Amino acid sequence: MVSDGTRIDLNIQDAELSRIPWELMHDGNNFLALSIKTPIVRLAPNPEDQTKSSASIKLPLRILFAGAKPWGQQPLNLGGQIRQMCVALRREITEGRVIFHPALGGEVQAEKLFADMRSGDYHVLHISTHGTFSEDLDKGIVLLEDGLGNSFPVAIEAIAQRIRDTTLQLVYLDACETAQASTLDASRSLSQTLLRGGAGAVIAMQYSISDDSAARFSEGFYDHLMTGESLCKAVTEARLVLLDLLGRETIDWAIPVLHAKSDYEFVTTGSVQRPLRLGHTDPPSRCLGRDLQLDELTEKLLSESRLVLVHGFGGIGKSPLYRRSSLRSKCSSMTHALWIAAALQMLLMWCLRFVRCWL
C-alpha cells in the first residue's frame, strides 16, 4: 500500500509475459504508472528472492557511480549525467548527507569496480554503460572497460555475486535493455539476477533510451528520493519529470522499471554534521561532491611534481576542478596549464610525451 493509493505489485512467472511493458497499463483515462497513487513495482519471480526486509540506511547515503565508455560503442554523455546528478543532490552533498563517488574510464575495469563495491560501504551502485540480455549466452551482460579502454563484457552474475558481501541496497542500471528477461525464464533478467544476489531493489531500462532522457530521469529520481519519498514514489515522480519535458509524443517515461523484493523499502535515517574544512574556505562552486579530488589535486600542485595530469570525459568538470585547486595553491611551482582535447588514446600519449620533453 501507498498513502491514499495502492501499489501495484507484479509477480510475473511467465517469461513472455515478463517482456510486456506493463508500465504502459492504462485504465481508460490515464496511465497507472504516472500516478503516485498507483505506482508499479515488479517483484522477484521466485518466493525465496522476496525475503529481504526493508533497509534503514544511516546517513550519509553513499553512491558509487560507475561509468564506462568503451571504444567502438555508441558514445555516452557521462559528464552530463554526473553534472545532472550533482545538481539533483547539490544540497545533500553540500550538507554531507550524500557522498558521491564517480568511478570512470580505467576505474571501471571489472576487478577495480568489485574492489570499490567491497571497500566503500556504499548503499547505491549506479552503473551507466551499455548492457543487454544475450540470448546466445542466456545471461545478462554489461560492458565495462579493459586496460586499453576496449569493451570488456561482464556477466551480471559476477556483479550479483559481489553484492552479497557489501552494504549495497539499490542498484541503478542506467543501460539499455537491462530490464529485459530471457524468452525462456522470467528470472534470468539482469535486474532479477541482482535481486537474487542480495540487492533490495533495482532500477533498469526495458528498452533503449536516449542519453538526455536517462539523465533527466535519474536527476528526478535522486531529487525526490532524498526528500524522503519512497522508492516507488520517487520513480513515479521521475516519470512525471520526463512527461513534462517531452510530452506524450514519446514513451521514454515508461522505459525505466522498478524491480524490488516484496515489502522492501529504502529508508534513510539520522542526520550528519558537515565536517569543518581547515585551511581554506570555498564559496559555492561546480565542484560539489568532489572534496577528496580537490584536496588531492591541490596537494599535487603544491608538491615537487613538474607535471600533473587531470583526465576524464568531456563535460565531467575537469576545468572547474583545476581552477579551484589552482586558486588554493597560489604558491604552487606550476606555471602553465595545457588543455588537450584527445579523442584517441594514442594521440593523448603522444601529447604527453611532447609535454614531458618540453618540460
Protein backbone atom coordinates (compact mmCIF):
# COMPACT_ATOMS: atom_id res chain seq x y z
CA MET A 1 0.00 0.00 0.00
CA VAL A 2 0.97 3.63 -0.56
CA SER A 3 -0.52 6.69 1.09
CA ASP A 4 -4.02 7.25 -0.30
CA GLY A 5 -3.49 4.68 -3.03
CA THR A 6 -2.48 1.13 -3.95
CA ARG A 7 0.95 -0.02 -5.05
CA ILE A 8 0.61 -2.41 -8.00
CA ASP A 9 2.94 -5.35 -7.42
CA LEU A 10 3.53 -7.57 -10.45
CA ASN A 11 4.73 -11.09 -9.68
CA ILE A 12 5.21 -12.50 -13.16
CA GLN A 13 6.41 -16.08 -13.57
CA ASP A 14 5.93 -16.45 -17.33
CA ALA A 15 8.93 -15.38 -19.46
CA GLU A 16 6.91 -13.99 -22.37
CA LEU A 17 4.58 -12.02 -20.08
CA SER A 18 7.59 -10.52 -18.28
CA ARG A 19 8.70 -8.87 -21.55
CA ILE A 20 5.46 -6.89 -21.88
CA PRO A 21 5.82 -3.17 -20.98
CA TRP A 22 3.41 -3.24 -18.03
CA GLU A 23 4.40 0.33 -17.17
CA LEU A 24 2.07 1.35 -20.02
CA MET A 25 -1.04 -0.06 -18.32
CA HIS A 26 -3.99 2.29 -18.82
CA ASP A 27 -7.31 2.45 -17.01
CA GLY A 28 -9.15 4.15 -19.86
CA ASN A 29 -8.32 7.63 -18.61
CA ASN A 30 -4.68 7.66 -17.53
CA PHE A 31 -1.51 5.59 -17.42
CA LEU A 32 -1.34 3.96 -13.99
CA ALA A 33 2.44 4.37 -13.70
CA LEU A 34 2.06 8.15 -13.96
CA SER A 35 0.11 8.41 -10.70
CA ILE A 36 1.71 8.35 -7.27
CA LYS A 37 -1.46 6.54 -6.12
CA THR A 38 -0.80 3.56 -8.41
CA PRO A 39 2.97 3.04 -8.74
CA ILE A 40 4.06 -0.16 -10.48
CA VAL A 41 6.69 -2.47 -8.97
CA ARG A 42 7.88 -5.75 -10.48
CA LEU A 43 8.61 -8.34 -7.81
CA ALA A 44 11.25 -11.03 -7.83
CA PRO A 45 9.56 -14.03 -9.52
CA ASN A 46 10.81 -16.65 -7.05
CA PRO A 47 9.44 -16.74 -3.48
CA GLU A 48 12.91 -17.31 -2.00
CA ASP A 49 14.03 -14.00 -3.54
CA GLN A 50 11.44 -11.99 -1.60
CA THR A 51 12.68 -12.37 1.95
CA LYS A 52 14.84 -9.27 2.36
CA SER A 53 13.42 -6.75 4.79
CA SER A 54 13.42 -3.01 4.33
CA ALA A 55 16.74 -1.22 4.65
CA SER A 56 17.17 1.55 7.20
CA ILE A 57 20.21 3.46 5.97
CA LYS A 58 22.01 5.79 8.32
CA LEU A 59 23.15 8.98 6.62
CA PRO A 60 25.28 9.86 4.78
CA LEU A 61 23.95 7.97 1.77
CA ARG A 62 26.92 6.66 -0.22
CA ILE A 63 26.55 6.44 -4.00
CA LEU A 64 29.09 4.70 -6.25
CA PHE A 65 28.70 5.89 -9.86
CA ALA A 66 30.42 3.57 -12.36
CA GLY A 67 30.50 4.97 -15.87
CA ALA A 68 32.06 3.10 -18.80
CA LYS A 69 32.56 4.46 -22.29
CA PRO A 70 34.43 1.71 -24.18
CA TRP A 71 35.83 2.25 -27.64
CA GLY A 72 33.67 1.12 -30.54
CA GLN A 73 30.38 1.65 -28.71
CA GLN A 74 27.85 4.42 -29.10
CA PRO A 75 29.24 7.34 -27.05
CA LEU A 76 27.53 8.18 -23.77
CA ASN A 77 27.34 11.63 -22.20
CA LEU A 78 28.71 10.54 -18.84
CA GLY A 79 29.87 14.03 -17.95
CA GLY A 80 26.35 15.35 -18.45
CA GLN A 81 24.86 12.55 -16.35
CA ILE A 82 27.20 13.27 -13.46
CA ARG A 83 26.51 17.01 -13.65
CA GLN A 84 22.76 16.45 -13.50
CA MET A 85 23.05 14.01 -10.61
CA CYS A 86 25.15 16.54 -8.72
CA VAL A 87 22.55 19.22 -9.47
CA ALA A 88 19.80 16.98 -8.09
CA LEU A 89 21.85 16.20 -4.97
CA ARG A 90 23.72 19.51 -4.59
CA ARG A 91 22.06 20.41 -1.30
CA GLU A 92 22.55 16.94 0.21
CA ILE A 93 26.19 16.76 -0.97
CA THR A 94 26.93 20.21 0.46
CA GLU A 95 25.34 19.26 3.80
CA GLY A 96 27.24 15.96 3.90
CA ARG A 97 24.06 13.85 3.69
CA VAL A 98 25.25 12.25 0.43
CA ILE A 99 28.72 11.05 -0.52
CA PHE A 100 29.00 10.72 -4.30
CA HIS A 101 31.96 8.84 -5.76
CA PRO A 102 32.33 8.70 -9.57
CA ALA A 103 34.47 5.87 -10.97
CA LEU A 104 35.15 6.39 -14.66
CA GLY A 105 37.21 5.04 -17.53
CA GLY A 106 40.04 2.83 -16.30
CA GLU A 107 38.49 2.83 -12.83
CA VAL A 108 35.60 0.69 -14.05
CA GLN A 109 37.67 -2.27 -15.04
CA ALA A 110 35.91 -5.25 -13.52
CA GLU A 111 38.27 -6.04 -10.64
CA LYS A 112 38.66 -2.36 -9.70
CA LEU A 113 34.88 -1.92 -9.63
CA PHE A 114 34.46 -5.05 -7.50
CA ALA A 115 37.08 -3.73 -5.07
CA ASP A 116 35.28 -0.39 -4.84
CA MET A 117 31.98 -2.17 -4.16
CA ARG A 118 33.51 -4.03 -1.24
CA SER A 119 35.55 -1.23 0.30
CA GLY A 120 33.38 1.87 0.24
CA ASP A 121 30.37 0.96 2.42
CA TYR A 122 28.17 2.11 -0.45
CA HIS A 123 24.38 1.92 -0.41
CA VAL A 124 23.68 2.66 -4.08
CA LEU A 125 25.52 1.34 -7.15
CA HIS A 126 24.72 3.39 -10.26
CA ILE A 127 26.09 1.78 -13.45
CA SER A 128 25.99 3.84 -16.64
CA THR A 129 27.16 1.93 -19.70
CA HIS A 130 25.84 -0.35 -22.43
CA GLY A 131 24.11 -3.57 -21.48
CA THR A 132 21.85 -6.25 -22.89
CA PHE A 133 20.48 -9.74 -22.36
CA SER A 134 22.32 -12.20 -24.59
CA GLU A 135 20.02 -14.97 -25.80
CA ASP A 136 23.05 -16.89 -27.08
CA LEU A 137 24.69 -16.89 -23.65
CA ASP A 138 21.35 -16.92 -21.80
CA LYS A 139 22.64 -14.26 -19.42
CA GLY A 140 22.68 -10.51 -19.00
CA ILE A 141 25.88 -8.57 -19.58
CA VAL A 142 27.14 -5.04 -19.09
CA LEU A 143 30.11 -3.55 -20.93
CA LEU A 144 32.95 -2.29 -18.77
CA GLU A 145 36.48 -1.49 -19.97
CA ASP A 146 39.79 -3.28 -20.16
CA GLY A 147 43.14 -1.60 -19.54
CA LEU A 148 43.14 -0.06 -23.04
CA GLY A 149 39.61 1.28 -22.94
CA ASN A 150 38.15 -1.50 -25.08
CA SER A 151 34.83 -3.21 -24.36
CA PHE A 152 35.00 -5.83 -21.63
CA PRO A 153 31.73 -7.75 -21.22
CA VAL A 154 30.93 -8.70 -17.63
CA ALA A 155 28.15 -11.14 -16.76
CA ILE A 156 25.62 -9.64 -14.39
CA GLU A 157 26.01 -12.77 -12.24
CA ALA A 158 29.56 -11.65 -11.42
CA ILE A 159 28.28 -8.31 -10.09
CA ALA A 160 25.42 -10.00 -8.24
CA GLN A 161 27.81 -12.40 -6.55
CA ARG A 162 29.86 -9.49 -5.15
CA ILE A 163 26.78 -7.69 -3.83
CA ARG A 164 26.27 -10.43 -1.22
CA ASP A 165 29.33 -9.24 0.70
CA THR A 166 28.63 -5.50 0.52
CA THR A 167 26.33 -2.90 2.07
CA LEU A 168 24.70 -2.18 -1.31
CA GLN A 169 20.91 -1.98 -1.25
CA LEU A 170 19.89 -0.30 -4.51
CA VAL A 171 21.37 -0.94 -7.97
CA TYR A 172 20.56 1.56 -10.71
CA LEU A 173 21.28 0.08 -14.17
CA ASP A 174 21.44 3.11 -16.45
CA ALA A 175 21.92 0.91 -19.51
CA CYS A 176 19.56 -0.05 -22.32
CA GLU A 177 17.61 -3.33 -22.21
CA THR A 178 18.83 -4.24 -18.72
CA ALA A 179 15.26 -4.99 -17.62
CA GLN A 180 14.69 -7.50 -20.43
CA ALA A 181 14.48 -11.16 -19.47
CA SER A 182 15.21 -14.41 -21.25
CA THR A 183 12.45 -15.66 -23.53
CA LEU A 184 12.65 -18.93 -21.58
CA ASP A 185 12.93 -17.82 -17.95
CA ALA A 186 11.50 -14.67 -16.35
CA SER A 187 14.05 -14.83 -13.55
CA ARG A 188 17.04 -14.52 -15.90
CA SER A 189 16.95 -10.75 -16.47
CA LEU A 190 19.82 -8.56 -15.26
CA SER A 191 17.70 -6.92 -12.59
CA GLN A 192 16.23 -10.17 -11.27
CA THR A 193 19.72 -11.67 -11.08
CA LEU A 194 20.83 -8.71 -8.94
CA LEU A 195 17.85 -9.20 -6.62
CA ARG A 196 18.90 -12.81 -6.10
CA GLY A 197 22.41 -11.57 -5.42
CA GLY A 198 21.26 -9.52 -2.44
CA ALA A 199 20.10 -6.15 -3.76
CA GLY A 200 16.83 -4.99 -2.25
CA ALA A 201 15.74 -3.06 -5.33
CA VAL A 202 16.90 -2.50 -8.91
CA ILE A 203 16.04 0.22 -11.41
CA ALA A 204 16.69 -0.87 -15.00
CA MET A 205 15.75 0.07 -18.58
CA GLN A 206 13.50 -2.26 -20.58
CA TYR A 207 14.28 -0.65 -23.97
CA SER A 208 16.78 1.77 -25.49
CA ILE A 209 16.58 5.26 -24.02
CA SER A 210 18.27 8.49 -25.07
CA ASP A 211 21.13 9.94 -23.02
CA ASP A 212 19.14 13.07 -22.22
CA SER A 213 16.06 11.17 -21.08
CA ALA A 214 18.14 8.82 -18.94
CA ALA A 215 19.95 11.73 -17.32
CA ARG A 216 16.72 13.66 -16.66
CA PHE A 217 15.06 10.60 -15.16
CA SER A 218 17.94 9.90 -12.78
CA GLU A 219 18.05 13.56 -11.77
CA GLY A 220 14.34 13.50 -10.91
CA PHE A 221 14.64 10.16 -9.12
CA TYR A 222 17.50 11.16 -6.80
CA ASP A 223 15.98 14.58 -6.20
CA HIS A 224 12.77 13.02 -4.83
CA LEU A 225 14.46 10.08 -3.10
CA MET A 226 16.44 12.41 -0.85
CA THR A 227 13.34 14.34 0.15
CA GLY A 228 12.15 11.21 1.96
CA GLU A 229 9.93 9.79 -0.77
CA SER A 230 9.55 6.02 -1.10
CA LEU A 231 11.34 4.26 -3.95
CA CYS A 232 8.17 3.70 -5.95
CA LYS A 233 7.01 7.30 -5.48
CA ALA A 234 10.44 8.68 -6.43
CA VAL A 235 10.30 6.60 -9.64
CA THR A 236 6.80 7.88 -10.41
CA GLU A 237 7.87 11.49 -9.83
CA ALA A 238 10.82 10.96 -12.17
CA ARG A 239 8.43 9.63 -14.82
CA LEU A 240 6.40 12.82 -14.48
CA VAL A 241 9.57 14.89 -14.92
CA LEU A 242 10.13 13.22 -18.30
CA LEU A 243 6.48 13.60 -19.26
CA ASP A 244 6.61 17.33 -18.51
CA LEU A 245 9.81 17.74 -20.54
CA LEU A 246 8.97 15.57 -23.55
CA GLY A 247 5.18 15.48 -23.62
CA ARG A 248 3.14 12.45 -24.65
CA GLU A 249 4.81 12.12 -28.06
CA THR A 250 7.34 9.66 -26.60
CA ILE A 251 7.13 6.88 -24.03
CA ASP A 252 10.61 7.41 -22.56
CA TRP A 253 8.98 7.84 -19.14
CA ALA A 254 7.78 4.19 -19.31
CA ILE A 255 11.19 2.68 -20.14
CA PRO A 256 12.62 2.66 -16.57
CA VAL A 257 11.42 -0.30 -14.49
CA LEU A 258 11.49 -0.71 -10.72
CA HIS A 259 12.18 -4.26 -9.51
CA ALA A 260 12.04 -4.95 -5.79
CA LYS A 261 11.56 -7.67 -3.25
CA SER A 262 8.16 -7.95 -1.64
CA ASP A 263 7.52 -5.28 1.02
CA TYR A 264 11.06 -3.94 0.58
CA GLU A 265 11.54 -0.23 1.22
CA PHE A 266 14.56 2.03 1.14
CA VAL A 267 14.62 4.43 4.10
CA THR A 268 17.30 6.93 5.16
CA THR A 269 17.58 7.90 8.83
CA GLY A 270 19.65 10.09 11.10
CA SER A 271 21.47 13.33 10.47
CA VAL A 272 25.03 14.36 9.79
CA GLN A 273 27.15 17.34 10.70
CA ARG A 274 29.21 18.69 7.88
CA PRO A 275 32.89 18.49 8.90
CA LEU A 276 34.88 21.69 9.20
CA ARG A 277 37.45 22.08 6.43
CA LEU A 278 40.51 23.85 7.79
CA GLY A 279 42.96 25.99 5.88
CA HIS A 280 40.59 27.33 3.22
CA THR A 281 37.02 28.34 2.72
CA ASP A 282 35.34 27.68 -0.58
CA PRO A 283 32.36 29.61 -1.94
CA PRO A 284 29.67 27.55 -3.69
CA SER A 285 31.01 26.17 -6.96
CA ARG A 286 30.60 23.46 -9.58
CA CYS A 287 32.92 21.21 -7.55
CA LEU A 288 30.17 19.87 -5.30
CA GLY A 289 30.88 16.39 -4.01
CA ARG A 290 34.50 16.43 -5.17
CA ASP A 291 36.22 17.48 -1.97
CA LEU A 292 38.58 14.50 -1.97
CA GLN A 293 39.61 15.09 -5.60
CA LEU A 294 40.01 18.80 -4.89
CA ASP A 295 42.26 18.11 -1.90
CA GLU A 296 44.32 15.59 -3.86
CA LEU A 297 44.84 17.93 -6.82
CA THR A 298 45.75 20.84 -4.55
CA GLU A 299 48.31 18.67 -2.78
CA LYS A 300 49.81 17.65 -6.14
CA LEU A 301 50.06 21.26 -7.27
CA LEU A 302 51.87 22.17 -4.08
CA SER A 303 54.28 19.25 -4.34
CA GLU A 304 57.57 18.97 -6.23
CA SER A 305 55.80 17.41 -9.22
CA ARG A 306 56.62 19.02 -12.56
CA LEU A 307 53.63 17.54 -14.35
CA VAL A 308 50.10 16.92 -13.05
CA LEU A 309 47.58 15.20 -15.35
CA VAL A 310 43.82 15.69 -14.93
CA HIS A 311 41.95 13.49 -17.40
CA GLY A 312 38.39 12.36 -17.99
CA PHE A 313 35.39 12.57 -20.30
CA GLY A 314 34.25 15.87 -21.74
CA GLY A 315 31.87 17.82 -19.51
CA ILE A 316 32.75 16.00 -16.31
CA GLY A 317 34.16 19.11 -14.63
CA LYS A 318 37.95 18.93 -15.08
CA SER A 319 38.34 22.65 -15.77
CA PRO A 320 36.43 23.89 -12.66
CA LEU A 321 38.36 21.36 -10.57
CA TYR A 322 41.69 22.69 -11.82
CA ARG A 323 40.67 26.35 -11.50
CA ARG A 324 39.51 25.90 -7.91
CA SER A 325 42.62 23.96 -6.86
CA SER A 326 44.91 26.49 -8.56
CA LEU A 327 43.26 29.28 -6.54
CA ARG A 328 44.03 27.33 -3.39
CA SER A 329 47.65 26.71 -4.36
CA LYS A 330 48.78 30.21 -5.30
CA CYS A 331 52.31 29.44 -4.16
CA SER A 332 52.49 26.44 -6.46
CA SER A 333 55.57 25.99 -8.64
CA MET A 334 53.27 25.22 -11.58
CA THR A 335 53.49 27.95 -14.21
CA HIS A 336 51.50 26.62 -17.17
CA ALA A 337 48.19 24.85 -17.77
CA LEU A 338 47.60 22.98 -21.01
CA TRP A 339 44.18 21.75 -22.20
CA ILE A 340 44.32 18.79 -24.61
CA ALA A 341 41.26 17.54 -26.50
CA ALA A 342 42.37 13.98 -27.30
CA ALA A 343 39.73 11.75 -28.82
CA LEU A 344 42.18 8.88 -29.28
CA GLN A 345 44.33 7.31 -26.61
CA MET A 346 47.40 7.23 -28.88
CA LEU A 347 47.02 10.97 -29.52
CA LEU A 348 46.88 11.61 -25.79
CA MET A 349 50.05 9.57 -25.20
CA TRP A 350 51.86 11.48 -27.97
CA CYS A 351 50.82 14.82 -26.43
CA LEU A 352 52.06 13.74 -23.00
CA ARG A 353 55.45 12.69 -24.39
CA PHE A 354 55.73 16.09 -26.09
CA VAL A 355 54.87 17.92 -22.86
CA ARG A 356 57.47 15.94 -20.88
CA CYS A 357 60.14 16.82 -23.45
CA TRP A 358 59.08 20.46 -23.30
CA LEU A 359 59.44 20.45 -19.51
